[in-house]
Protein backbone atom coordinates (compact mmCIF):
# COMPACT_ATOMS: atom_id res chain seq x y z
CA MET A 1 -49.18 -15.88 -9.97
CA ASN A 2 -47.12 -12.72 -8.84
CA ALA A 3 -45.74 -15.04 -5.91
CA MET A 4 -44.33 -17.56 -8.34
CA ARG A 5 -43.03 -14.62 -10.64
CA THR A 6 -41.15 -13.28 -7.53
CA ILE A 7 -39.83 -16.57 -6.41
CA ARG A 8 -38.55 -17.45 -9.95
CA ALA A 9 -36.92 -13.98 -10.28
CA VAL A 10 -35.12 -14.45 -7.13
CA ALA A 11 -34.05 -18.05 -7.85
CA TRP A 12 -32.67 -16.94 -11.17
CA SER A 13 -30.80 -14.07 -9.53
CA PHE A 14 -29.23 -16.67 -6.98
CA ILE A 15 -28.08 -18.65 -9.95
CA GLY A 16 -26.78 -15.47 -11.75
CA ILE A 17 -28.50 -16.14 -15.09
CA ARG A 18 -31.03 -13.61 -16.07
CA LYS A 19 -32.25 -12.19 -19.41
CA ASN A 20 -32.03 -8.39 -19.67
CA SER A 21 -35.44 -8.25 -21.10
CA ASP A 22 -36.97 -10.28 -18.15
CA TYR A 23 -35.07 -8.29 -15.63
CA LYS A 24 -36.63 -5.03 -17.16
CA GLU A 25 -40.02 -6.54 -17.09
CA ASP A 26 -39.71 -7.69 -13.48
CA LEU A 27 -38.57 -4.08 -12.42
CA GLY A 28 -42.01 -2.79 -13.38
CA LYS A 29 -44.19 -5.75 -11.96
CA LEU A 30 -42.53 -6.98 -8.78
CA ASN A 31 -42.82 -5.53 -5.48
CA PRO A 32 -39.35 -4.88 -3.95
CA PHE A 33 -40.39 -5.78 -0.48
CA HIS A 34 -41.78 -9.20 -1.57
CA VAL A 35 -38.42 -9.78 -3.47
CA ILE A 36 -36.57 -9.08 -0.29
CA ALA A 37 -38.68 -11.38 1.80
CA VAL A 38 -38.23 -14.15 -0.54
CA ALA A 39 -34.44 -13.58 -0.87
CA LEU A 40 -34.09 -13.69 2.80
CA ALA A 41 -36.28 -16.76 3.01
CA GLY A 42 -34.08 -18.36 0.18
CA VAL A 43 -30.90 -17.40 2.02
CA ALA A 44 -32.09 -18.90 5.43
CA LEU A 45 -32.99 -22.23 3.63
CA PHE A 46 -29.65 -22.47 1.76
CA VAL A 47 -27.79 -21.68 5.14
CA GLY A 48 -29.88 -24.10 7.02
CA GLY A 49 -29.22 -26.73 4.36
CA LEU A 50 -25.65 -26.14 4.53
CA VAL A 51 -25.59 -26.61 8.37
CA LEU A 52 -27.50 -29.71 7.96
CA LEU A 53 -25.22 -31.12 5.33
CA VAL A 54 -21.94 -30.16 7.49
CA ASN A 55 -23.66 -31.73 10.66
CA TRP A 56 -24.32 -34.89 8.70
CA VAL A 57 -20.83 -35.31 7.19
CA VAL A 58 -19.22 -34.61 10.45
CA ALA A 59 -21.37 -37.09 12.33
CA GLY A 60 -20.68 -39.85 9.77
């Protein structure tokens, strides 16, 4: 359950929409190292997706 909470918190922060009450609750419950790891994985997926999209557009 904590892993899904971390993924959800990182996903909402990527979008930029976050309730202040949820943010304060996450501060006390989430491990900062897990948040950093999930964020890095999310950035890698996003950049990889952009690279694949650009290669597909340029090839087509």
